[in-house]
Amino acid sequence: MPVVAARRYTSGLCSQTELAIDGSPREPLPDGCFDWVGVAEPTAEELELLRVQFGLHPLAVEDALNPNQLPKAEVYGKQLFIVARTAAIQEGEKIDYGQTAIFLGRDFIVSVRLGSTRAHVALRNKLETDSEHLAEGADYVAHAILDFIVDGYEPMMEKLDLAVQSMEERTIDIFPDPSTIRRIFRLRRQLRRFERIIGPMDTMCERLVRHDLSMVDTEARVWFRDVQDHVKRALARAASLKDTLASLVETASLLEQHRQGQMTRQLAAWAAILAVPTAIAGIYGMNFDVMPELRWRYGYFTVLGAIVLVCGGLWYRFRRIGWL
């Protein structure tokens, strides 16, 4: 059985012995006591033992074994079933997703992790040092797990934010190459998937905050409201990054068009300047015996002066209007 920890808490204090997970139905605990069982990557047979021992609903158990569930909160009798999605960047810029299912009862909480590398060991150790809050009951632990999951979005968003900023700065200087454009579209696809998978977390938290659930004390709703605020910030940040990526290629195209327009104007200006001596040389290069000023002594210097004067005037004009 892949049990990370199975402990009983009384008035916020942890028992010294681990709970036995043997599939034997348990008796209800007195007020102030609850069990917390955390499992990772269980099989259907292993989760069946927990179902029998804690009286979990079969449909909820089936959903807990499905790694592609969207976040949700559903009530099964006197139990609350919560599905939350984890997200983290392990390598490169690809977002890996996992799932944590939470079975919450009056006197127990069972957490089932699938595909998540962030174990709850550190969280459990931290909570066990705060007996005052732990004495609040299993619903406080459920909030702590959700808060732990949502806090994991922040480092991922920081890394993506740095990547987008670096691409944005380079785009201003030079039009992105094909590899950068492919990277932009990969990141946009990752962020769209993040919104699709994590987006329902907002609705799930909204239900925990607004609905009257017997497993969640009225005073505990403010904890879940804090989790909802973190979710909203993560989704807003993802939407902002997605919009920034969408504008990168458009901005780069506009800047490139501007640079190309400048080059075109410069080429056109020099072509106009060079057209003057070309035209004059072309006229006097014709093989006719009778041409005006052909035998004139000062004709050569006059033509050169005219060329310099006209070309200088064109250069000055183009310079003033910003073409050169």
C-alpha atoms as a PDB file:
ATOM      1  CA  MET A   1       0.000   0.000   0.000  1.00  0.00           C
ATOM      2  CA  PRO A   2       1.654   3.322  -1.083  1.00  0.00           C
ATOM      3  CA  VAL A   3       0.706   5.107   2.141  1.00  0.00           C
ATOM      4  CA  VAL A   4       2.825   8.194   2.702  1.00  0.00           C
ATOM      5  CA  ALA A   5       1.393   8.736   6.171  1.00  0.00           C
ATOM      6  CA  ALA A   6      -1.648   7.608   8.183  1.00  0.00           C
ATOM      7  CA  ARG A   7      -2.067   9.340  11.510  1.00  0.00           C
ATOM      8  CA  ARG A   8      -4.716  10.242  14.053  1.00  0.00           C
ATOM      9  CA  TYR A   9      -4.919  13.703  15.586  1.00  0.00           C
ATOM     10  CA  THR A  10      -6.539  14.578  18.884  1.00  0.00           C
ATOM     11  CA  SER A  11      -6.974  18.268  19.742  1.00  0.00           C
ATOM     12  CA  GLY A  12      -4.306  19.052  17.163  1.00  0.00           C
ATOM     13  CA  LEU A  13      -1.765  16.597  18.566  1.00  0.00           C
ATOM     14  CA  CYS A  14      -0.509  13.674  16.518  1.00  0.00           C
ATOM     15  CA  SER A  15      -0.612  10.126  17.820  1.00  0.00           C
ATOM     16  CA  GLN A  16       2.678   8.260  18.041  1.00  0.00           C
ATOM     17  CA  THR A  17       1.516   5.202  16.100  1.00  0.00           C
ATOM     18  CA  GLU A  18       0.538   4.941  12.457  1.00  0.00           C
ATOM     19  CA  LEU A  19      -2.990   3.894  11.545  1.00  0.00           C
ATOM     20  CA  ALA A  20      -3.370   0.408  10.138  1.00  0.00           C
ATOM     21  CA  ILE A  21      -4.862   0.406   6.637  1.00  0.00           C
ATOM     22  CA  ASP A  22      -6.327  -3.080   6.472  1.00  0.00           C
ATOM     23  CA  GLY A  23      -9.789  -2.511   5.038  1.00  0.00           C
ATOM     24  CA  SER A  24     -11.580  -2.923   8.376  1.00  0.00           C
ATOM     25  CA  PRO A  25     -14.526  -0.517   8.789  1.00  0.00           C
ATOM     26  CA  ARG A  26     -13.662   2.113  11.365  1.00  0.00           C
ATOM     27  CA  GLU A  27     -15.771   3.427  14.208  1.00  0.00           C
ATOM     28  CA  PRO A  28     -16.698   7.126  14.321  1.00  0.00           C
ATOM     29  CA  LEU A  29     -14.271   9.225  16.332  1.00  0.00           C
ATOM     30  CA  PRO A  30     -15.214  11.590  19.166  1.00  0.00           C
ATOM     31  CA  ASP A  31     -15.230  15.333  18.679  1.00  0.00           C
ATOM     32  CA  GLY A  32     -11.777  16.851  18.368  1.00  0.00           C
ATOM     33  CA  CYS A  33     -10.303  13.762  16.704  1.00  0.00           C
ATOM     34  CA  PHE A  34      -9.732  13.007  13.038  1.00  0.00           C
ATOM     35  CA  ASP A  35      -7.617  10.741  10.840  1.00  0.00           C
ATOM     36  CA  TRP A  36      -5.430  11.927   7.989  1.00  0.00           C
ATOM     37  CA  VAL A  37      -4.323   9.361   5.438  1.00  0.00           C
ATOM     38  CA  GLY A  38      -2.172  10.321   2.480  1.00  0.00           C
ATOM     39  CA  VAL A  39      -1.520   7.890  -0.388  1.00  0.00           C
ATOM     40  CA  ALA A  40       0.374   8.270  -3.661  1.00  0.00           C
ATOM     41  CA  GLU A  41      -0.156   6.411  -6.941  1.00  0.00           C
ATOM     42  CA  PRO A  42      -2.443   3.709  -5.493  1.00  0.00           C
ATOM     43  CA  THR A  43      -3.893   0.824  -7.476  1.00  0.00           C
ATOM     44  CA  ALA A  44      -7.611   0.107  -7.602  1.00  0.00           C
ATOM     45  CA  GLU A  45      -7.167  -2.785  -5.157  1.00  0.00           C
ATOM     46  CA  GLU A  46      -5.253  -0.614  -2.698  1.00  0.00           C
ATOM     47  CA  LEU A  47      -7.805   2.171  -2.864  1.00  0.00           C
ATOM     48  CA  GLU A  48     -10.557  -0.376  -2.291  1.00  0.00           C
ATOM     49  CA  LEU A  49      -9.147  -0.982   1.195  1.00  0.00           C
ATOM     50  CA  LEU A  50      -9.542   2.722   1.960  1.00  0.00           C
ATOM     51  CA  ARG A  51     -13.037   2.720   0.483  1.00  0.00           C
ATOM     52  CA  VAL A  52     -14.144  -0.031   2.835  1.00  0.00           C
ATOM     53  CA  GLN A  53     -12.309   1.327   5.861  1.00  0.00           C
ATOM     54  CA  PHE A  54     -13.563   4.913   5.548  1.00  0.00           C
ATOM     55  CA  GLY A  55     -16.839   4.240   3.756  1.00  0.00           C
ATOM     56  CA  LEU A  56     -15.882   6.201   0.650  1.00  0.00           C
ATOM     57  CA  HIS A  57     -18.385   6.482  -2.168  1.00  0.00           C
ATOM     58  CA  PRO A  58     -17.596   4.132  -5.117  1.00  0.00           C
ATOM     59  CA  LEU A  59     -18.126   6.871  -7.729  1.00  0.00           C
ATOM     60  CA  ALA A  60     -15.712   9.160  -5.904  1.00  0.00           C
ATOM     61  CA  VAL A  61     -13.149   6.377  -5.689  1.00  0.00           C
ATOM     62  CA  GLU A  62     -13.499   5.778  -9.413  1.00  0.00           C
ATOM     63  CA  ASP A  63     -12.898   9.470 -10.118  1.00  0.00           C
ATOM     64  CA  ALA A  64      -9.885   9.516  -7.799  1.00  0.00           C
ATOM     65  CA  LEU A  65      -8.231   6.840  -9.949  1.00  0.00           C
ATOM     66  CA  ASN A  66      -8.866   8.768 -13.170  1.00  0.00           C
ATOM     67  CA  PRO A  67      -5.854  11.099 -13.693  1.00  0.00           C
ATOM     68  CA  ASN A  68      -7.710  13.285 -16.210  1.00  0.00           C
ATOM     69  CA  GLN A  69     -10.455  14.653 -13.996  1.00  0.00           C
ATOM     70  CA  LEU A  70     -11.171  18.372 -14.012  1.00  0.00           C
ATOM     71  CA  PRO A  71     -11.241  20.193 -10.649  1.00  0.00           C
ATOM     72  CA  LYS A  72     -14.543  19.814  -8.858  1.00  0.00           C
ATOM     73  CA  ALA A  73     -16.211  19.543  -5.449  1.00  0.00           C
ATOM     74  CA  GLU A  74     -19.058  17.059  -5.002  1.00  0.00           C
ATOM     75  CA  VAL A  75     -21.058  15.943  -1.995  1.00  0.00           C
ATOM     76  CA  TYR A  76     -21.686  12.231  -1.404  1.00  0.00           C
ATOM     77  CA  GLY A  77     -23.904  11.875   1.624  1.00  0.00           C
ATOM     78  CA  LYS A  78     -21.910  13.145   4.604  1.00  0.00           C
ATOM     79  CA  GLN A  79     -18.657  13.262   2.662  1.00  0.00           C
ATOM     80  CA  LEU A  80     -17.140  15.898   0.423  1.00  0.00           C
ATOM     81  CA  PHE A  81     -15.077  14.812  -2.570  1.00  0.00           C
ATOM     82  CA  ILE A  82     -12.631  17.349  -4.016  1.00  0.00           C
ATOM     83  CA  VAL A  83     -10.463  17.032  -7.117  1.00  0.00           C
ATOM     84  CA  ALA A  84      -7.610  19.518  -7.544  1.00  0.00           C
ATOM     85  CA  ARG A  85      -5.033  19.656 -10.321  1.00  0.00           C
ATOM     86  CA  THR A  86      -1.353  20.239  -9.714  1.00  0.00           C
ATOM     87  CA  ALA A  87       0.890  21.926 -12.272  1.00  0.00           C
ATOM     88  CA  ALA A  88       4.650  22.335 -12.409  1.00  0.00           C
ATOM     89  CA  ILE A  89       7.488  22.737 -14.918  1.00  0.00           C
ATOM     90  CA  GLN A  90       9.993  19.924 -14.616  1.00  0.00           C
ATOM     91  CA  GLU A  91      12.100  20.309 -17.762  1.00  0.00           C
ATOM     92  CA  GLY A  92      12.226  23.035 -20.373  1.00  0.00           C
ATOM     93  CA  GLU A  93       8.952  24.936 -20.639  1.00  0.00           C
ATOM     94  CA  LYS A  94       6.500  22.027 -20.659  1.00  0.00           C
ATOM     95  CA  ILE A  95       3.873  22.075 -17.924  1.00  0.00           C
ATOM     96  CA  ASP A  96       3.312  18.706 -16.266  1.00  0.00           C
ATOM     97  CA  TYR A  97      -0.026  18.104 -14.577  1.00  0.00           C
ATOM     98  CA  GLY A  98      -1.001  15.874 -11.703  1.00  0.00           C
ATOM     99  CA  GLN A  99      -4.076  15.310  -9.604  1.00  0.00           C
ATOM    100  CA  THR A 100      -4.888  15.273  -5.921  1.00  0.00           C
ATOM    101  CA  ALA A 101      -8.220  13.871  -4.782  1.00  0.00           C
ATOM    102  CA  ILE A 102      -9.458  14.658  -1.278  1.00  0.00           C
ATOM    103  CA  PHE A 103     -12.105  12.701   0.609  1.00  0.00           C
ATOM    104  CA  LEU A 104     -13.330  14.874   3.479  1.00  0.00           C
ATOM    105  CA  GLY A 105     -15.549  13.588   6.259  1.00  0.00           C
ATOM    106  CA  ARG A 106     -16.426  14.836   9.711  1.00  0.00           C
ATOM    107  CA  ASP A 107     -13.599  12.933  11.354  1.00  0.00           C
ATOM    108  CA  PHE A 108     -11.228  12.001   8.528  1.00  0.00           C
ATOM    109  CA  ILE A 109      -9.470  13.218   5.434  1.00  0.00           C
ATOM    110  CA  VAL A 110      -7.942  11.005   2.757  1.00  0.00           C
ATOM    111  CA  SER A 111      -5.703  12.522   0.076  1.00  0.00           C
ATOM    112  CA  VAL A 112      -4.815  10.599  -3.090  1.00  0.00           C
ATOM    113  CA  ARG A 113      -1.992  11.911  -5.294  1.00  0.00           C
ATOM    114  CA  LEU A 114      -1.583  10.931  -8.943  1.00  0.00           C
ATOM    115  CA  GLY A 115       1.210  12.244 -11.188  1.00  0.00           C
ATOM    116  CA  SER A 116       2.397  14.910  -8.743  1.00  0.00           C
ATOM    117  CA  THR A 117       6.023  15.083  -7.658  1.00  0.00           C
ATOM    118  CA  ARG A 118       5.315  17.507  -4.793  1.00  0.00           C
ATOM    119  CA  ALA A 119       4.752  15.285  -1.776  1.00  0.00           C
ATOM    120  CA  HIS A 120       2.779  16.487   1.245  1.00  0.00           C
ATOM    121  CA  VAL A 121       5.438  15.422   3.754  1.00  0.00           C
ATOM    122  CA  ALA A 122       6.737  18.954   4.326  1.00  0.00           C
ATOM    123  CA  LEU A 123       3.168  20.256   4.571  1.00  0.00           C
ATOM    124  CA  ARG A 124       2.235  17.604   7.121  1.00  0.00           C
ATOM    125  CA  ASN A 125       5.324  18.338   9.214  1.00  0.00           C
ATOM    126  CA  LYS A 126       4.538  22.048   9.147  1.00  0.00           C
ATOM    127  CA  LEU A 127       0.937  21.511  10.210  1.00  0.00           C
ATOM    128  CA  GLU A 128       1.927  19.189  13.044  1.00  0.00           C
ATOM    129  CA  THR A 129       3.953  22.019  14.568  1.00  0.00           C
ATOM    130  CA  ASP A 130       0.828  24.202  14.631  1.00  0.00           C
ATOM    131  CA  SER A 131      -1.507  22.248  16.896  1.00  0.00           C
ATOM    132  CA  GLU A 132      -3.789  25.270  17.376  1.00  0.00           C
ATOM    133  CA  HIS A 133      -4.821  25.332  13.715  1.00  0.00           C
ATOM    134  CA  LEU A 134      -4.678  21.580  13.339  1.00  0.00           C
ATOM    135  CA  ALA A 135      -7.219  21.321  16.135  1.00  0.00           C
ATOM    136  CA  GLU A 136      -9.692  23.076  13.843  1.00  0.00           C
ATOM    137  CA  GLY A 137     -10.296  19.726  12.205  1.00  0.00           C
ATOM    138  CA  ALA A 138     -10.057  17.927   8.886  1.00  0.00           C
ATOM    139  CA  ASP A 139     -11.480  20.857   6.904  1.00  0.00           C
ATOM    140  CA  TYR A 140      -8.443  22.957   7.856  1.00  0.00           C
ATOM    141  CA  VAL A 141      -6.182  20.200   6.502  1.00  0.00           C
ATOM    142  CA  ALA A 142      -8.207  20.185   3.269  1.00  0.00           C
ATOM    143  CA  HIS A 143      -7.627  23.937   2.955  1.00  0.00           C
ATOM    144  CA  ALA A 144      -3.902  23.492   3.651  1.00  0.00           C
ATOM    145  CA  ILE A 145      -3.596  20.865   0.907  1.00  0.00           C
ATOM    146  CA  LEU A 146      -5.408  23.058  -1.624  1.00  0.00           C
ATOM    147  CA  ASP A 147      -3.317  26.061  -0.627  1.00  0.00           C
ATOM    148  CA  PHE A 148      -0.158  23.949  -1.026  1.00  0.00           C
ATOM    149  CA  ILE A 149      -1.272  22.914  -4.519  1.00  0.00           C
ATOM    150  CA  VAL A 150      -2.153  26.436  -5.637  1.00  0.00           C
ATOM    151  CA  ASP A 151       1.082  27.880  -4.247  1.00  0.00           C
ATOM    152  CA  GLY A 152       2.873  25.514  -6.627  1.00  0.00           C
ATOM    153  CA  TYR A 153       1.569  27.529  -9.576  1.00  0.00           C
ATOM    154  CA  GLU A 154       3.605  30.602  -8.610  1.00  0.00           C
ATOM    155  CA  PRO A 155       7.142  29.296  -9.399  1.00  0.00           C
ATOM    156  CA  MET A 156       5.873  27.978 -12.717  1.00  0.00           C
ATOM    157  CA  MET A 157       4.387  31.359 -13.638  1.00  0.00           C
ATOM    158  CA  GLU A 158       7.624  33.095 -12.630  1.00  0.00           C
ATOM    159  CA  LYS A 159       9.618  30.888 -14.983  1.00  0.00           C
ATOM    160  CA  LEU A 160       7.191  31.439 -17.862  1.00  0.00           C
ATOM    161  CA  ASP A 161       7.146  35.175 -17.170  1.00  0.00           C
ATOM    162  CA  LEU A 162      10.952  35.356 -17.464  1.00  0.00           C
ATOM    163  CA  ALA A 163      10.850  33.402 -20.726  1.00  0.00           C
ATOM    164  CA  VAL A 164       8.215  35.721 -22.203  1.00  0.00           C
ATOM    165  CA  GLN A 165      10.125  38.829 -21.097  1.00  0.00           C
ATOM    166  CA  SER A 166      13.342  37.623 -22.739  1.00  0.00           C
ATOM    167  CA  MET A 167      11.509  36.941 -26.017  1.00  0.00           C
ATOM    168  CA  GLU A 168       9.765  40.315 -25.813  1.00  0.00           C
ATOM    169  CA  GLU A 169      13.088  42.155 -25.442  1.00  0.00           C
ATOM    170  CA  ARG A 170      14.679  40.302 -28.345  1.00  0.00           C
ATOM    171  CA  THR A 171      11.656  40.914 -30.564  1.00  0.00           C
ATOM    172  CA  ILE A 172      12.158  44.683 -30.286  1.00  0.00           C
ATOM    173  CA  ASP A 173      15.684  44.401 -31.696  1.00  0.00           C
ATOM    174  CA  ILE A 174      15.226  41.799 -34.414  1.00  0.00           C
ATOM    175  CA  PHE A 175      12.417  39.903 -36.083  1.00  0.00           C
ATOM    176  CA  PRO A 176      12.089  36.473 -34.385  1.00  0.00           C
ATOM    177  CA  ASP A 177      13.525  33.526 -36.259  1.00  0.00           C
ATOM    178  CA  PRO A 178      11.381  30.429 -37.021  1.00  0.00           C
ATOM    179  CA  SER A 179      12.559  28.602 -33.877  1.00  0.00           C
ATOM    180  CA  THR A 180      11.480  31.530 -31.683  1.00  0.00           C
ATOM    181  CA  ILE A 181       8.117  31.736 -33.422  1.00  0.00           C
ATOM    182  CA  ARG A 182       7.584  28.011 -32.824  1.00  0.00           C
ATOM    183  CA  ARG A 183       8.523  28.553 -29.169  1.00  0.00           C
ATOM    184  CA  ILE A 184       5.981  31.363 -28.885  1.00  0.00           C
ATOM    185  CA  PHE A 185       3.190  29.185 -30.233  1.00  0.00           C
ATOM    186  CA  ARG A 186       4.229  26.288 -27.955  1.00  0.00           C
ATOM    187  CA  LEU A 187       4.019  28.555 -24.917  1.00  0.00           C
ATOM    188  CA  ARG A 188       0.637  29.890 -26.005  1.00  0.00           C
ATOM    189  CA  ARG A 189      -0.610  26.328 -26.365  1.00  0.00           C
ATOM    190  CA  GLN A 190       0.729  25.498 -22.893  1.00  0.00           C
ATOM    191  CA  LEU A 191      -1.018  28.509 -21.364  1.00  0.00           C
ATOM    192  CA  ARG A 192      -4.322  27.727 -23.098  1.00  0.00           C
ATOM    193  CA  ARG A 193      -4.135  24.200 -21.705  1.00  0.00           C
ATOM    194  CA  PHE A 194      -3.345  25.599 -18.255  1.00  0.00           C
ATOM    195  CA  GLU A 195      -6.471  27.764 -18.383  1.00  0.00           C
ATOM    196  CA  ARG A 196      -8.569  24.805 -19.522  1.00  0.00           C
ATOM    197  CA  ILE A 197      -7.294  22.439 -16.808  1.00  0.00           C
ATOM    198  CA  ILE A 198      -6.836  24.830 -13.878  1.00  0.00           C
ATOM    199  CA  GLY A 199      -9.737  27.155 -14.723  1.00  0.00           C
ATOM    200  CA  PRO A 200     -12.383  24.985 -12.974  1.00  0.00           C
ATOM    201  CA  MET A 201     -10.380  25.338  -9.739  1.00  0.00           C
ATOM    202  CA  ASP A 202     -11.988  28.766  -9.404  1.00  0.00           C
ATOM    203  CA  THR A 203     -15.482  27.308  -9.624  1.00  0.00           C
ATOM    204  CA  MET A 204     -14.561  24.538  -7.207  1.00  0.00           C
ATOM    205  CA  CYS A 205     -13.265  27.031  -4.634  1.00  0.00           C
ATOM    206  CA  GLU A 206     -16.352  29.181  -5.191  1.00  0.00           C
ATOM    207  CA  ARG A 207     -18.523  26.258  -4.144  1.00  0.00           C
ATOM    208  CA  LEU A 208     -16.469  25.673  -1.009  1.00  0.00           C
ATOM    209  CA  VAL A 209     -16.806  29.360  -0.130  1.00  0.00           C
ATOM    210  CA  ARG A 210     -20.455  30.011  -1.020  1.00  0.00           C
ATOM    211  CA  HIS A 211     -22.300  26.745  -0.400  1.00  0.00           C
ATOM    212  CA  ASP A 212     -23.359  25.486   2.989  1.00  0.00           C
ATOM    213  CA  LEU A 213     -21.455  22.203   3.377  1.00  0.00           C
ATOM    214  CA  SER A 214     -21.710  20.244   6.605  1.00  0.00           C
ATOM    215  CA  MET A 215     -18.082  19.072   6.281  1.00  0.00           C
ATOM    216  CA  VAL A 216     -16.778  22.657   6.169  1.00  0.00           C
ATOM    217  CA  ASP A 217     -17.313  24.943   9.146  1.00  0.00           C
ATOM    218  CA  THR A 218     -18.672  28.400   8.442  1.00  0.00           C
ATOM    219  CA  GLU A 219     -15.549  29.928   9.999  1.00  0.00           C
ATOM    220  CA  ALA A 220     -13.374  27.859   7.632  1.00  0.00           C
ATOM    221  CA  ARG A 221     -14.801  29.388   4.467  1.00  0.00           C
ATOM    222  CA  VAL A 222     -12.423  32.329   4.676  1.00  0.00           C
ATOM    223  CA  TRP A 223      -9.527  29.867   4.249  1.00  0.00           C
ATOM    224  CA  PHE A 224     -10.942  28.588   0.980  1.00  0.00           C
ATOM    225  CA  ARG A 225     -11.578  32.173  -0.142  1.00  0.00           C
ATOM    226  CA  ASP A 226      -7.849  32.763   0.186  1.00  0.00           C
ATOM    227  CA  VAL A 227      -7.191  29.716  -1.998  1.00  0.00           C
ATOM    228  CA  GLN A 228      -9.659  31.059  -4.561  1.00  0.00           C
ATOM    229  CA  ASP A 229      -7.830  34.395  -4.654  1.00  0.00           C
ATOM    230  CA  HIS A 230      -4.563  32.597  -5.412  1.00  0.00           C
ATOM    231  CA  VAL A 231      -6.236  30.654  -8.212  1.00  0.00           C
ATOM    232  CA  LYS A 232      -7.660  33.841  -9.712  1.00  0.00           C
ATOM    233  CA  ARG A 233      -4.237  35.487  -9.658  1.00  0.00           C
ATOM    234  CA  ALA A 234      -2.612  32.500 -11.358  1.00  0.00           C
ATOM    235  CA  LEU A 235      -5.276  32.422 -14.087  1.00  0.00           C
ATOM    236  CA  ALA A 236      -5.052  36.195 -14.597  1.00  0.00           C
ATOM    237  CA  ARG A 237      -1.286  35.941 -14.922  1.00  0.00           C
ATOM    238  CA  ALA A 238      -1.594  33.112 -17.436  1.00  0.00           C
ATOM    239  CA  ALA A 239      -4.071  35.158 -19.485  1.00  0.00           C
ATOM    240  CA  SER A 240      -1.707  38.146 -19.413  1.00  0.00           C
ATOM    241  CA  LEU A 241       1.224  36.029 -20.602  1.00  0.00           C
ATOM    242  CA  LYS A 242      -0.913  34.539 -23.348  1.00  0.00           C
ATOM    243  CA  ASP A 243      -1.936  38.004 -24.554  1.00  0.00           C
ATOM    244  CA  THR A 244       1.690  39.146 -24.492  1.00  0.00           C
ATOM    245  CA  LEU A 245       2.747  36.179 -26.602  1.00  0.00           C
ATOM    246  CA  ALA A 246      -0.094  36.854 -29.021  1.00  0.00           C
ATOM    247  CA  SER A 247       1.127  40.417 -29.528  1.00  0.00           C
ATOM    248  CA  LEU A 248       4.806  39.484 -29.917  1.00  0.00           C
ATOM    249  CA  VAL A 249       4.574  38.279 -33.518  1.00  0.00           C
ATOM    250  CA  GLU A 250       2.237  41.125 -34.474  1.00  0.00           C
ATOM    251  CA  THR A 251       4.552  43.703 -32.886  1.00  0.00           C
ATOM    252  CA  ALA A 252       7.596  42.110 -34.505  1.00  0.00           C
ATOM    253  CA  SER A 253       5.855  42.205 -37.890  1.00  0.00           C
ATOM    254  CA  LEU A 254       5.039  45.893 -37.495  1.00  0.00           C
ATOM    255  CA  LEU A 255       8.608  46.703 -36.485  1.00  0.00           C
ATOM    256  CA  GLU A 256       9.964  44.673 -39.391  1.00  0.00           C
ATOM    257  CA  GLN A 257       7.633  46.441 -41.808  1.00  0.00           C
ATOM    258  CA  HIS A 258       8.845  49.764 -40.446  1.00  0.00           C
ATOM    259  CA  ARG A 259      12.482  48.745 -40.904  1.00  0.00           C
ATOM    260  CA  GLN A 260      11.786  47.518 -44.420  1.00  0.00           C
ATOM    261  CA  GLY A 261       9.962  50.776 -45.197  1.00  0.00           C
ATOM    262  CA  GLN A 262      12.993  52.758 -44.058  1.00  0.00           C
ATOM    263  CA  MET A 263      15.287  50.691 -46.246  1.00  0.00           C
ATOM    264  CA  THR A 264      12.914  51.068 -49.210  1.00  0.00           C
ATOM    265  CA  ARG A 265      12.839  54.857 -48.803  1.00  0.00           C
ATOM    266  CA  GLN A 266      16.626  54.998 -48.597  1.00  0.00           C
ATOM    267  CA  LEU A 267      17.018  52.895 -51.731  1.00  0.00           C
ATOM    268  CA  ALA A 268      14.430  54.991 -53.557  1.00  0.00           C
ATOM    269  CA  ALA A 269      16.206  58.207 -52.537  1.00  0.00           C
ATOM    270  CA  TRP A 270      19.615  57.017 -53.735  1.00  0.00           C
ATOM    271  CA  ALA A 271      18.056  55.679 -56.927  1.00  0.00           C
ATOM    272  CA  ALA A 272      16.552  59.123 -57.598  1.00  0.00           C
ATOM    273  CA  ILE A 273      19.900  60.825 -56.947  1.00  0.00           C
ATOM    274  CA  LEU A 274      21.825  58.426 -59.165  1.00  0.00           C
ATOM    275  CA  ALA A 275      19.219  58.754 -61.904  1.00  0.00           C
ATOM    276  CA  VAL A 276      20.352  62.347 -62.603  1.00  0.00           C
ATOM    277  CA  PRO A 277      23.960  61.598 -63.704  1.00  0.00           C
ATOM    278  CA  THR A 278      22.743  58.431 -65.376  1.00  0.00           C
ATOM    279  CA  ALA A 279      20.239  60.371 -67.475  1.00  0.00           C
ATOM    280  CA  ILE A 280      22.703  63.123 -68.403  1.00  0.00           C
ATOM    281  CA  ALA A 281      25.455  60.640 -69.220  1.00  0.00           C
ATOM    282  CA  GLY A 282      22.982  58.661 -71.274  1.00  0.00           C
ATOM    283  CA  ILE A 283      22.024  61.702 -73.313  1.00  0.00           C
ATOM    284  CA  TYR A 284      25.594  62.782 -74.045  1.00  0.00           C
ATOM    285  CA  GLY A 285      26.642  59.215 -74.663  1.00  0.00           C
ATOM    286  CA  MET A 286      24.480  59.023 -77.786  1.00  0.00           C
ATOM    287  CA  ASN A 287      26.458  58.804 -81.053  1.00  0.00           C
ATOM    288  CA  PHE A 288      25.110  61.819 -82.895  1.00  0.00           C
ATOM    289  CA  ASP A 289      27.345  64.216 -84.815  1.00  0.00           C
ATOM    290  CA  VAL A 290      25.201  67.262 -84.223  1.00  0.00           C
ATOM    291  CA  MET A 291      24.347  67.846 -80.524  1.00  0.00           C
ATOM    292  CA  PRO A 292      24.037  71.125 -78.540  1.00  0.00           C
ATOM    293  CA  GLU A 293      27.209  72.081 -76.665  1.00  0.00           C
ATOM    294  CA  LEU A 294      28.992  69.023 -78.055  1.00  0.00           C
ATOM    295  CA  ARG A 295      31.968  71.131 -79.188  1.00  0.00           C
ATOM    296  CA  TRP A 296      31.659  73.739 -76.429  1.00  0.00           C
ATOM    297  CA  ARG A 297      34.884  74.284 -74.496  1.00  0.00           C
ATOM    298  CA  TYR A 298      33.226  74.550 -71.086  1.00  0.00           C
ATOM    299  CA  GLY A 299      30.491  71.968 -71.686  1.00  0.00           C
ATOM    300  CA  TYR A 300      32.164  69.194 -69.664  1.00  0.00           C
ATOM    301  CA  PHE A 301      32.577  71.347 -66.547  1.00  0.00           C
ATOM    302  CA  THR A 302      29.081  72.751 -66.897  1.00  0.00           C
ATOM    303  CA  VAL A 303      27.539  69.278 -67.068  1.00  0.00           C
ATOM    304  CA  LEU A 304      29.549  68.084 -64.045  1.00  0.00           C
ATOM    305  CA  GLY A 305      28.501  71.164 -62.099  1.00  0.00           C
ATOM    306  CA  ALA A 306      24.852  70.617 -63.016  1.00  0.00           C
ATOM    307  CA  ILE A 307      25.077  66.989 -61.913  1.00  0.00           C
ATOM    308  CA  VAL A 308      26.647  67.927 -58.571  1.00  0.00           C
ATOM    309  CA  LEU A 309      24.143  70.743 -58.012  1.00  0.00           C
ATOM    310  CA  VAL A 310      21.063  68.647 -58.806  1.00  0.00           C
ATOM    311  CA  CYS A 311      22.282  65.599 -56.865  1.00  0.00           C
ATOM    312  CA  GLY A 312      23.230  67.793 -53.884  1.00  0.00           C
ATOM    313  CA  GLY A 313      19.788  69.392 -53.932  1.00  0.00           C
ATOM    314  CA  LEU A 314      18.074  66.010 -54.022  1.00  0.00           C
ATOM    315  CA  TRP A 315      20.267  64.694 -51.186  1.00  0.00           C
ATOM    316  CA  TYR A 316      19.434  67.755 -49.058  1.00  0.00           C
ATOM    317  CA  ARG A 317      15.718  67.358 -49.771  1.00  0.00           C
ATOM    318  CA  PHE A 318      15.622  63.659 -48.947  1.00  0.00           C
ATOM    319  CA  ARG A 319      17.657  64.315 -45.829  1.00  0.00           C
ATOM    320  CA  ARG A 320      15.140  66.861 -44.585  1.00  0.00           C
ATOM    321  CA  ILE A 321      12.145  64.556 -45.052  1.00  0.00           C
ATOM    322  CA  GLY A 322      13.918  61.659 -43.308  1.00  0.00           C
ATOM    323  CA  TRP A 323      14.539  59.406 -46.245  1.00  0.00           C
ATOM    324  CA  LEU A 324      18.314  59.525 -45.797  1.00  0.00           C
END
